[in-house]
Amino acid sequence: MRNQESFAPLTDQDLDALLGAEVTTGELEREDRAALRRVAGLSTELTDVTEVEYRQLRLERVVLVGVWTEGTATDAENSLTELAALAETAGSEVLEGLIQRRSRPDPATYIGRGKVDDLAAEVLASGADTVICDGELSPSQLRNLEQRTKVKVVDRTALILDIFAQHAKSKEGKAQVELAQLEYLLPRLRGWGESLSRQAGGSGRGGGAGGGVGTRGPGETKLETDRRRIRHRIAKLRREIKSMRVVRQTKRARRGRNAVPAVAIAGYTNAGKSSILNRLTGAGVLVEDALFATLDPTTRRTDTSDGRIYTLSDTVGFVRHLPHQIVEAFRSTLEEVAEADLVVHVVDGAHPDPEEQVRAVHEVLAEVGADKLPELLVVNKTDVADEETLLRLKREWPDAVFVSAHAGRGIDELRATIEQRLPRPAVELRAVLPYARGDLVARVHRRGEVLGTTHLAEGTLLHVRVDEALAAELTPYLANEE
């Protein structure tokens, strides 16, 4: 049994918040602000193993810490539960989850300075080797917490970057993740011990143990050298990603020239986007019950019931407070969404707060300029979702399609709805274009939808759907209907 004396029990204000009472940060009581409150049900500690097995199986053992600044206690606990899922995806073992109620995080230590000692005691009692904070910490906050708790401290941003690094497979994905990690690391780079002490510049004179042969150098600290190397690496990665972006834009332009509509599947991480892509196209994309299982976008061609071709692209999942380094590094990948004709927004119907998922995804879509695109909401996992929740979501989103990718339920309706939402040229006609007008034939292929082609003695007979402007150009060549 762990010592819990240093952690205050639930206060009346906490209970009010749990029951839905509205509490503003200005009304917080002193004992409420001072409390570090446990979040139940987060521990994934290994049990019933021998000492030898324990050493073999041991992963990083972590304590989670969050600061609850706004919303209800349920919102704060959902956020910490998501942090626990992120930690487990990264390969950690969650021992404890703690929340402190404050009007804002402490600028020096994230949680209240007095509570850091309580956290250190909990780390010691549980045998944790890492503390993960549910927010992005400044370099000074990281340093102060590590000095006080005597263990490694990781923030939410670093944890997400670590998961991305584990899951990136393609050359572009790996480059994007490395760029995001280096941009995060650069302002937080700090030295440990004597290995980063300043070298003696020039002759190296000055006596003492620090001088002598082998210590004379450019007068640059190891820290400065590392920063310079990181900046050079960042510049190189940006050039590589820029060249990869050109390749991606070329592919998109080719699809545009062929008038192939593009559909992007977007949504919260682990909402079931890859499962839906597999159901719609048979793509065979990795499906895993883990956060950020898909980082490298997959694009597959499929066709409608009337023979029109379109593409479906699976994209990286989003999460609340997605680090801006990730959004910037993955901007070229996320442009797949911004360039789409339709966004299929997948929502996890079994999640405790689906509406918050939708808000988080809309924030990221707005950052990449995809918030004005046509959107089709798809509520997934209806086979395991609560019936009351599904009824509420149906009232809130009457145009949404409710499916279960796992059970195959609702997929046919989803496919039909996507087909209805696809853009299609307005005018359908047949025209015989003289062989001398190859330029016009090329324009029809580029801007219209070619349904049929026949080569006649007098020219090429095209059966097409085109926009009104192009239809006007084709009017002199309209074929006689027999």
Protein backbone atom coordinates (compact mmCIF):
# COMPACT_ATOMS: atom_id res chain seq x y z
CA MET A 1 0.00 0.00 0.00
CA ARG A 2 1.52 3.31 -1.02
CA ASN A 3 1.79 6.21 1.39
CA GLN A 4 -1.03 8.64 0.56
CA GLU A 5 -0.72 11.04 3.52
CA SER A 6 0.90 13.78 1.43
CA PHE A 7 -1.98 13.83 -1.05
CA ALA A 8 -5.20 15.56 0.01
CA PRO A 9 -8.55 13.77 -0.50
CA LEU A 10 -11.28 15.01 -2.83
CA THR A 11 -12.72 18.32 -1.66
CA ASP A 12 -16.33 19.45 -1.89
CA GLN A 13 -15.38 21.59 -4.89
CA ASP A 14 -13.98 18.52 -6.67
CA LEU A 15 -17.19 16.62 -6.03
CA ASP A 16 -19.24 19.55 -7.35
CA ALA A 17 -17.17 19.58 -10.53
CA LEU A 18 -17.53 15.81 -10.94
CA LEU A 19 -21.29 16.21 -10.68
CA GLY A 20 -21.28 18.90 -13.36
CA ALA A 21 -21.28 22.06 -11.24
CA GLU A 22 -19.63 25.00 -12.96
CA VAL A 23 -16.56 26.20 -11.08
CA THR A 24 -14.48 29.14 -12.27
CA THR A 25 -10.79 29.42 -11.51
CA GLY A 26 -11.48 32.57 -9.46
CA GLU A 27 -13.56 30.54 -6.99
CA LEU A 28 -10.92 27.94 -6.18
CA GLU A 29 -10.43 27.27 -2.51
CA ARG A 30 -6.95 27.17 -1.05
CA GLU A 31 -7.09 23.48 -0.14
CA ASP A 32 -8.34 22.66 -3.65
CA ARG A 33 -5.44 24.44 -5.27
CA ALA A 34 -2.99 22.75 -2.93
CA ALA A 35 -4.19 19.22 -3.62
CA LEU A 36 -2.60 16.65 -5.88
CA ARG A 37 -5.53 14.35 -6.63
CA ARG A 38 -5.16 10.81 -7.91
CA VAL A 39 -6.85 9.67 -11.11
CA ALA A 40 -8.15 6.16 -10.61
CA GLY A 41 -7.76 3.31 -13.06
CA LEU A 42 -4.58 4.42 -14.85
CA SER A 43 -2.06 1.96 -13.41
CA THR A 44 -0.71 -0.66 -15.79
CA GLU A 45 1.85 -2.00 -13.32
CA LEU A 46 3.01 -5.56 -14.01
CA THR A 47 1.91 -8.09 -11.41
CA ASP A 48 2.65 -11.73 -10.49
CA VAL A 49 6.11 -11.98 -12.03
CA THR A 50 9.35 -13.23 -10.55
CA GLU A 51 12.25 -10.90 -9.91
CA VAL A 52 14.12 -12.24 -12.98
CA GLU A 53 11.04 -11.91 -15.20
CA TYR A 54 10.50 -8.43 -13.82
CA ARG A 55 13.96 -7.31 -14.86
CA GLN A 56 13.45 -8.71 -18.34
CA LEU A 57 10.02 -7.17 -18.85
CA ARG A 58 10.71 -3.83 -17.19
CA LEU A 59 9.83 -0.80 -19.29
CA GLU A 60 10.03 2.83 -18.25
CA ARG A 61 7.90 3.19 -15.13
CA VAL A 62 6.12 6.52 -15.16
CA VAL A 63 4.03 8.80 -12.97
CA LEU A 64 1.70 11.17 -14.83
CA VAL A 65 1.09 14.72 -13.63
CA GLY A 66 -1.49 17.19 -14.92
CA VAL A 67 -2.60 20.71 -14.04
CA TRP A 68 -6.36 21.25 -14.21
CA THR A 69 -6.90 24.90 -15.11
CA GLU A 70 -10.35 24.93 -16.72
CA GLY A 71 -13.38 22.79 -17.45
CA THR A 72 -14.72 20.02 -15.25
CA ALA A 73 -12.88 17.32 -13.36
CA THR A 74 -14.08 14.85 -16.00
CA ASP A 75 -12.35 16.90 -18.73
CA ALA A 76 -9.11 16.89 -16.73
CA GLU A 77 -9.30 13.15 -16.09
CA ASN A 78 -10.04 12.45 -19.78
CA SER A 79 -6.92 14.41 -20.70
CA LEU A 80 -4.79 12.43 -18.24
CA THR A 81 -6.34 9.15 -19.43
CA GLU A 82 -5.31 10.07 -22.97
CA LEU A 83 -1.81 10.85 -21.68
CA ALA A 84 -1.73 7.37 -20.13
CA ALA A 85 -2.67 5.84 -23.50
CA LEU A 86 0.12 7.85 -25.14
CA ALA A 87 2.60 6.65 -22.50
CA GLU A 88 1.58 3.02 -23.02
CA THR A 89 1.89 3.43 -26.80
CA ALA A 90 5.46 4.68 -26.23
CA GLY A 91 6.18 1.50 -24.24
CA SER A 92 5.87 2.82 -20.70
CA GLU A 93 4.24 1.35 -17.63
CA VAL A 94 1.88 3.80 -15.91
CA LEU A 95 2.07 3.61 -12.12
CA GLU A 96 0.08 6.65 -11.03
CA GLY A 97 -1.81 9.66 -12.34
CA LEU A 98 -1.97 12.91 -10.36
CA ILE A 99 -3.83 16.15 -11.00
CA GLN A 100 -3.46 19.49 -9.25
CA ARG A 101 -6.17 22.15 -9.47
CA ARG A 102 -4.61 25.54 -10.24
CA SER A 103 -5.61 28.70 -12.07
CA ARG A 104 -2.50 28.28 -14.24
CA PRO A 105 0.67 26.14 -14.25
CA ASP A 106 3.51 27.34 -12.03
CA PRO A 107 6.06 29.13 -14.27
CA ALA A 108 8.99 27.51 -12.44
CA THR A 109 7.88 23.96 -11.66
CA TYR A 110 4.58 23.39 -13.60
CA ILE A 111 2.78 22.11 -10.49
CA GLY A 112 2.89 24.15 -7.27
CA ARG A 113 6.36 24.43 -5.79
CA GLY A 114 5.21 22.88 -2.53
CA LYS A 115 3.66 19.96 -4.39
CA VAL A 116 6.93 19.03 -6.10
CA ASP A 117 8.13 17.47 -2.83
CA ASP A 118 4.92 15.40 -2.69
CA LEU A 119 5.54 14.32 -6.30
CA ALA A 120 9.13 13.38 -5.47
CA ALA A 121 7.88 11.29 -2.53
CA GLU A 122 5.37 9.52 -4.79
CA VAL A 123 8.10 8.81 -7.37
CA LEU A 124 10.29 7.32 -4.65
CA ALA A 125 7.46 5.25 -3.16
CA SER A 126 6.30 3.83 -6.50
CA GLY A 127 9.77 3.17 -7.91
CA ALA A 128 9.11 5.30 -10.99
CA ASP A 129 12.01 6.37 -13.19
CA THR A 130 10.16 9.00 -15.27
CA VAL A 131 7.60 11.75 -14.73
CA ILE A 132 5.39 12.74 -17.68
CA CYS A 133 3.63 16.12 -17.54
CA ASP A 134 0.37 16.76 -19.38
CA GLY A 135 1.52 19.94 -21.10
CA GLU A 136 4.50 21.48 -22.86
CA LEU A 137 7.16 22.51 -20.36
CA SER A 138 9.68 25.29 -20.72
CA PRO A 139 13.40 24.44 -20.44
CA SER A 140 13.52 25.89 -16.90
CA GLN A 141 10.47 23.89 -15.79
CA LEU A 142 12.06 20.68 -17.09
CA ARG A 143 15.34 21.44 -15.34
CA ASN A 144 13.73 22.40 -12.02
CA LEU A 145 11.48 19.35 -11.92
CA GLU A 146 14.34 16.98 -12.72
CA GLN A 147 16.52 18.53 -10.02
CA ARG A 148 13.75 18.21 -7.43
CA THR A 149 12.40 14.74 -8.33
CA LYS A 150 15.80 13.20 -9.21
CA VAL A 151 14.28 11.35 -12.22
CA LYS A 152 13.81 12.08 -15.90
CA VAL A 153 10.94 14.48 -16.73
CA VAL A 154 9.18 14.35 -20.08
CA ASP A 155 6.37 16.60 -21.31
CA ARG A 156 3.43 15.76 -23.56
CA THR A 157 5.14 17.13 -26.66
CA ALA A 158 8.29 15.03 -26.22
CA LEU A 159 6.13 11.94 -25.60
CA ILE A 160 4.18 12.43 -28.84
CA LEU A 161 7.41 13.04 -30.76
CA ASP A 162 8.82 9.80 -29.34
CA ILE A 163 5.77 7.86 -30.55
CA PHE A 164 6.07 9.44 -34.00
CA ALA A 165 9.74 8.43 -34.12
CA GLN A 166 8.83 4.81 -33.33
CA HIS A 167 6.12 4.63 -36.00
CA ALA A 168 7.65 6.52 -38.94
CA LYS A 169 8.53 4.11 -41.76
CA SER A 170 8.97 6.07 -45.00
CA LYS A 171 11.94 8.32 -45.77
CA GLU A 172 9.69 11.37 -45.71
CA GLY A 173 8.04 10.36 -42.44
CA LYS A 174 11.39 9.79 -40.73
CA ALA A 175 12.71 13.14 -41.97
CA GLN A 176 9.59 14.95 -40.75
CA VAL A 177 9.79 13.37 -37.30
CA GLU A 178 13.53 14.09 -36.95
CA LEU A 179 12.94 17.72 -37.94
CA ALA A 180 10.17 18.07 -35.33
CA GLN A 181 12.35 16.47 -32.64
CA LEU A 182 15.35 18.70 -33.36
CA GLU A 183 13.24 21.87 -33.38
CA TYR A 184 11.81 20.84 -30.02
CA LEU A 185 15.25 19.90 -28.64
CA LEU A 186 17.19 23.00 -29.73
CA PRO A 187 15.90 25.48 -27.10
CA ARG A 188 15.97 22.73 -24.43
CA LEU A 189 19.54 21.56 -25.04
CA ARG A 190 21.47 21.64 -21.80
CA GLY A 191 24.73 20.24 -20.53
CA TRP A 192 25.30 17.52 -17.96
CA GLY A 193 28.46 17.55 -15.86
CA GLU A 194 31.98 18.27 -17.00
CA SER A 195 31.59 16.80 -20.51
CA LEU A 196 30.10 20.09 -21.70
CA SER A 197 32.48 22.43 -19.89
CA ARG A 198 34.18 25.20 -21.84
CA GLN A 199 37.36 24.31 -23.70
CA ALA A 200 40.34 26.58 -23.31
CA GLY A 201 40.77 28.78 -26.33
CA GLY A 202 44.06 29.80 -27.92
CA SER A 203 47.13 28.50 -26.11
CA GLY A 204 45.18 26.84 -23.33
CA ARG A 205 47.31 28.53 -20.64
CA GLY A 206 45.93 29.38 -17.28
CA GLY A 207 47.07 26.43 -15.21
CA GLY A 208 44.84 24.17 -13.21
CA ALA A 209 43.57 20.76 -14.12
CA GLY A 210 41.63 22.09 -17.09
CA GLY A 211 44.62 23.11 -19.24
CA GLY A 212 47.27 21.15 -21.05
CA VAL A 213 47.62 18.97 -24.12
CA GLY A 214 44.38 18.00 -25.79
CA THR A 215 42.32 20.79 -24.28
CA ARG A 216 43.34 23.59 -26.64
CA GLY A 217 40.49 24.23 -29.07
CA PRO A 218 38.26 26.85 -30.62
CA GLY A 219 37.02 28.10 -27.28
CA GLU A 220 33.56 26.71 -27.97
CA THR A 221 31.51 24.74 -25.48
CA LYS A 222 30.21 21.31 -26.32
CA LEU A 223 26.74 22.82 -25.91
CA GLU A 224 27.44 25.45 -28.58
CA THR A 225 28.90 22.82 -30.89
CA ASP A 226 25.79 20.67 -30.50
CA ARG A 227 23.52 23.62 -31.20
CA ARG A 228 25.44 24.48 -34.34
CA ARG A 229 25.31 20.87 -35.56
CA ILE A 230 21.57 20.70 -34.86
CA ARG A 231 20.93 23.92 -36.81
CA HIS A 232 22.86 22.52 -39.79
CA ARG A 233 20.90 19.28 -39.60
CA ILE A 234 17.59 21.18 -39.40
CA ALA A 235 18.50 23.17 -42.51
CA LYS A 236 19.39 19.97 -44.38
CA LEU A 237 16.15 18.23 -43.34
CA ARG A 238 14.08 21.21 -44.46
CA ARG A 239 15.72 21.06 -47.89
CA GLU A 240 15.03 17.31 -48.15
CA ILE A 241 11.39 17.67 -47.10
CA LYS A 242 10.95 20.54 -49.55
CA SER A 243 12.17 18.33 -52.41
CA MET A 244 9.84 15.53 -51.27
CA ARG A 245 6.98 18.04 -51.22
CA VAL A 246 7.63 18.77 -54.91
CA VAL A 247 7.23 15.05 -55.70
CA ARG A 248 3.97 14.93 -53.73
CA GLN A 249 2.67 18.07 -55.48
CA THR A 250 3.55 16.55 -58.86
CA LYS A 251 1.51 13.45 -58.06
CA ARG A 252 -1.43 15.59 -56.94
CA ALA A 253 -1.17 17.70 -60.09
CA ARG A 254 -1.22 14.55 -62.23
CA ARG A 255 -4.39 13.40 -60.49
CA GLY A 256 -5.86 16.86 -61.02
CA ARG A 257 -5.04 16.78 -64.73
CA ASN A 258 -6.83 13.47 -65.00
CA ALA A 259 -9.85 14.92 -63.18
CA VAL A 260 -9.60 12.33 -60.42
CA PRO A 261 -11.49 13.55 -57.33
CA ALA A 262 -9.56 13.20 -54.08
CA VAL A 263 -11.05 12.14 -50.76
CA ALA A 264 -8.99 12.50 -47.57
CA ILE A 265 -9.75 10.44 -44.46
CA ALA A 266 -8.93 12.57 -41.42
CA GLY A 267 -9.70 12.32 -37.74
CA TYR A 268 -8.49 11.74 -34.22
CA THR A 269 -5.76 9.19 -33.64
CA ASN A 270 -7.06 5.63 -33.19
CA ALA A 271 -10.54 6.57 -34.48
CA GLY A 272 -10.38 3.81 -37.11
CA LYS A 273 -9.33 5.70 -40.26
CA SER A 274 -7.13 2.89 -41.60
CA SER A 275 -9.86 0.31 -40.95
CA ILE A 276 -12.33 2.38 -42.97
CA LEU A 277 -9.80 2.77 -45.82
CA ASN A 278 -9.33 -0.99 -45.85
CA ARG A 279 -13.08 -1.59 -45.91
CA LEU A 280 -13.61 0.85 -48.80
CA THR A 281 -10.64 -0.15 -50.96
CA GLY A 282 -9.12 -3.39 -49.64
CA ALA A 283 -5.87 -1.46 -49.19
CA GLY A 284 -4.38 -3.76 -46.56
CA VAL A 285 -3.06 -0.86 -44.45
CA LEU A 286 -1.74 -1.66 -40.96
CA VAL A 287 -4.57 -1.60 -38.43
CA GLU A 288 -3.50 -1.49 -34.80
CA ASP A 289 -5.22 -0.53 -31.57
CA ALA A 290 -2.58 2.09 -30.83
CA LEU A 291 -2.21 5.83 -31.05
CA PHE A 292 -0.50 7.14 -34.20
CA ALA A 293 -0.23 3.71 -35.84
CA THR A 294 -0.40 5.49 -39.22
CA LEU A 295 2.12 8.25 -39.93
CA ASP A 296 2.88 7.69 -43.60
CA PRO A 297 -0.13 8.60 -45.75
CA THR A 298 -1.56 5.88 -47.97
CA THR A 299 -3.42 6.77 -51.18
CA ARG A 300 -5.52 4.20 -53.02
CA ARG A 301 -7.59 4.44 -56.20
CA THR A 302 -11.12 3.12 -56.21
CA ASP A 303 -14.20 3.64 -58.33
CA THR A 304 -17.85 4.46 -57.86
CA SER A 305 -20.78 2.27 -58.81
CA ASP A 306 -21.06 4.14 -62.14
CA GLY A 307 -17.38 3.78 -63.01
CA ARG A 308 -15.93 7.13 -61.87
CA ILE A 309 -12.43 6.90 -60.43
CA TYR A 310 -11.42 8.71 -57.24
CA THR A 311 -8.66 8.45 -54.64
CA LEU A 312 -8.86 7.83 -50.90
CA SER A 313 -5.97 8.97 -48.70
CA ASP A 314 -5.37 7.84 -45.13
CA THR A 315 -3.66 10.60 -43.12
CA VAL A 316 -1.84 10.99 -39.81
CA GLY A 317 -4.14 11.08 -36.80
CA PHE A 318 -4.67 14.20 -34.74
CA VAL A 319 -4.76 14.64 -30.98
CA ARG A 320 -5.68 17.51 -28.68
CA HIS A 321 -2.80 19.96 -28.25
CA LEU A 322 -0.94 18.41 -31.18
CA PRO A 323 2.58 19.93 -30.96
CA HIS A 324 3.09 22.75 -33.43
CA GLN A 325 6.44 21.18 -34.37
CA ILE A 326 4.52 18.16 -35.67
CA VAL A 327 2.02 20.27 -37.60
CA GLU A 328 4.84 22.21 -39.25
CA ALA A 329 7.01 19.15 -39.99
CA PHE A 330 4.05 17.18 -41.38
CA ARG A 331 2.62 20.14 -43.29
CA SER A 332 3.44 18.59 -46.68
CA THR A 333 1.65 15.39 -45.62
CA LEU A 334 -1.32 17.28 -44.20
CA GLU A 335 -1.61 19.15 -47.50
CA GLU A 336 -3.15 15.91 -48.79
CA VAL A 337 -6.14 16.93 -46.71
CA ALA A 338 -6.06 20.59 -47.77
CA GLU A 339 -6.03 19.62 -51.48
CA ALA A 340 -8.90 17.12 -51.19
CA ASP A 341 -12.35 17.56 -52.72
CA LEU A 342 -13.97 15.93 -49.69
CA VAL A 343 -12.79 15.30 -46.11
CA VAL A 344 -14.15 12.14 -44.50
CA HIS A 345 -13.82 13.03 -40.81
CA VAL A 346 -13.79 9.84 -38.71
CA VAL A 347 -14.92 10.11 -35.08
CA ASP A 348 -14.52 7.46 -32.38
CA GLY A 349 -18.09 6.90 -31.17
CA ALA A 350 -16.83 4.88 -28.19
CA HIS A 351 -14.62 7.71 -26.88
CA PRO A 352 -15.71 9.41 -23.62
CA ASP A 353 -15.84 12.82 -25.35
CA PRO A 354 -16.34 12.56 -29.16
CA GLU A 355 -17.25 16.26 -29.42
CA GLU A 356 -13.85 17.24 -28.01
CA GLN A 357 -12.19 15.00 -30.61
CA VAL A 358 -14.04 16.84 -33.38
CA ARG A 359 -13.00 20.23 -31.96
CA ALA A 360 -9.34 19.15 -31.79
CA VAL A 361 -9.37 17.90 -35.40
CA HIS A 362 -11.03 21.10 -36.65
CA GLU A 363 -8.25 23.14 -34.99
CA VAL A 364 -5.54 21.27 -36.91
CA LEU A 365 -7.53 21.37 -40.18
CA ALA A 366 -7.76 25.15 -39.78
CA GLU A 367 -3.96 25.35 -39.37
CA VAL A 368 -3.39 23.69 -42.76
CA GLY A 369 -6.19 25.57 -44.53
CA ALA A 370 -8.57 22.62 -44.81
CA ASP A 371 -11.35 23.93 -42.56
CA LYS A 372 -13.47 25.26 -45.47
CA LEU A 373 -13.56 21.99 -47.43
CA PRO A 374 -16.73 19.85 -47.73
CA GLU A 375 -16.80 17.49 -44.76
CA LEU A 376 -18.54 14.17 -44.14
CA LEU A 377 -18.66 13.15 -40.48
CA VAL A 378 -18.37 9.39 -39.93
CA VAL A 379 -18.98 8.02 -36.43
CA ASN A 380 -17.05 4.75 -36.14
CA LYS A 381 -17.02 1.92 -33.57
CA THR A 382 -20.81 1.84 -33.21
CA ASP A 383 -20.52 -1.85 -32.26
CA VAL A 384 -18.87 -0.95 -28.94
CA ALA A 385 -20.25 2.57 -28.36
CA ASP A 386 -22.83 3.34 -25.70
CA GLU A 387 -26.36 3.47 -27.12
CA GLU A 388 -27.19 6.67 -25.27
CA THR A 389 -24.06 8.34 -26.68
CA LEU A 390 -25.00 7.29 -30.22
CA LEU A 391 -28.50 8.75 -29.83
CA ARG A 392 -27.01 12.03 -28.61
CA LEU A 393 -24.56 12.17 -31.53
CA LYS A 394 -27.33 11.42 -34.04
CA ARG A 395 -29.26 14.40 -32.72
CA GLU A 396 -26.14 16.59 -32.75
CA TRP A 397 -24.87 15.47 -36.18
CA PRO A 398 -27.95 14.47 -38.22
CA ASP A 399 -25.97 14.27 -41.50
CA ALA A 400 -23.28 11.97 -40.11
CA VAL A 401 -22.91 8.34 -41.21
CA PHE A 402 -22.69 5.78 -38.39
CA VAL A 403 -20.52 2.74 -39.12
CA SER A 404 -18.53 -0.07 -37.57
CA ALA A 405 -15.42 -0.72 -39.63
CA HIS A 406 -14.65 -3.75 -37.46
CA ALA A 407 -18.04 -5.39 -38.05
CA GLY A 408 -18.55 -3.98 -41.57
CA ARG A 409 -21.79 -2.29 -40.53
CA GLY A 410 -22.78 0.86 -42.47
CA ILE A 411 -19.90 0.64 -44.98
CA ASP A 412 -22.21 0.40 -48.01
CA GLU A 413 -24.09 3.51 -46.86
CA LEU A 414 -20.77 5.30 -46.34
CA ARG A 415 -19.57 4.36 -49.84
CA ALA A 416 -22.85 5.60 -51.38
CA THR A 417 -22.68 8.87 -49.41
CA ILE A 418 -19.10 9.52 -50.54
CA GLU A 419 -20.15 8.93 -54.16
CA GLN A 420 -22.97 11.44 -53.79
CA ARG A 421 -20.62 14.06 -52.32
CA LEU A 422 -17.93 13.69 -55.02
CA PRO A 423 -17.70 16.66 -57.39
CA ARG A 424 -18.63 15.90 -60.97
CA PRO A 425 -18.58 18.10 -64.07
CA ALA A 426 -21.94 19.71 -64.81
CA VAL A 427 -22.41 19.08 -68.55
CA GLU A 428 -22.43 15.68 -70.27
CA LEU A 429 -22.02 15.63 -74.08
CA ARG A 430 -20.56 13.87 -77.12
CA ALA A 431 -18.27 15.70 -79.51
CA VAL A 432 -16.20 14.77 -82.57
CA LEU A 433 -12.91 16.66 -82.37
CA PRO A 434 -10.73 16.91 -85.53
CA TYR A 435 -7.33 15.29 -85.22
CA ALA A 436 -5.82 18.74 -85.70
CA ARG A 437 -7.37 19.82 -82.36
CA GLY A 438 -5.19 17.67 -80.15
CA ASP A 439 -4.88 20.64 -77.78
CA LEU A 440 -8.63 20.58 -77.14
CA VAL A 441 -8.60 16.80 -76.60
CA ALA A 442 -5.81 17.26 -74.04
CA ARG A 443 -7.79 19.99 -72.25
CA VAL A 444 -10.86 17.75 -72.06
CA HIS A 445 -8.75 15.02 -70.46
CA ARG A 446 -7.21 17.51 -68.07
CA ARG A 447 -10.37 19.31 -66.94
CA GLY A 448 -13.23 16.93 -67.67
CA GLU A 449 -14.32 13.37 -67.09
CA VAL A 450 -13.90 11.17 -70.17
CA LEU A 451 -16.56 8.45 -70.25
CA GLY A 452 -15.72 7.01 -73.67
CA THR A 453 -13.39 7.47 -76.67
CA THR A 454 -13.89 6.30 -80.28
CA HIS A 455 -11.58 7.06 -83.21
CA LEU A 456 -13.48 7.90 -86.41
CA ALA A 457 -12.29 8.90 -89.88
CA GLU A 458 -13.14 12.57 -89.27
CA GLY A 459 -11.76 12.79 -85.71
CA THR A 460 -12.02 11.57 -82.12
CA LEU A 461 -15.50 10.96 -80.69
CA LEU A 462 -15.46 11.80 -77.00
CA HIS A 463 -18.24 11.10 -74.52
CA VAL A 464 -17.43 13.46 -71.63
CA ARG A 465 -18.60 15.39 -68.62
CA VAL A 466 -17.09 18.88 -68.54
CA ASP A 467 -17.64 22.23 -66.90
CA GLU A 468 -19.80 24.86 -68.58
CA ALA A 469 -16.88 26.91 -69.92
CA LEU A 470 -15.30 23.93 -71.66
CA ALA A 471 -18.73 22.78 -72.90
CA ALA A 472 -19.06 26.12 -74.71
CA GLU A 473 -15.76 25.51 -76.53
CA LEU A 474 -16.95 22.06 -77.59
CA THR A 475 -20.31 23.28 -78.92
CA PRO A 476 -19.14 23.57 -82.62
CA TYR A 477 -18.05 19.93 -82.53
CA LEU A 478 -21.13 18.36 -80.96
CA ALA A 479 -21.92 14.95 -82.43
CA ASN A 480 -25.31 14.23 -84.02
CA GLU A 481 -27.38 11.99 -81.80
CA GLU A 482 -28.65 8.97 -83.72
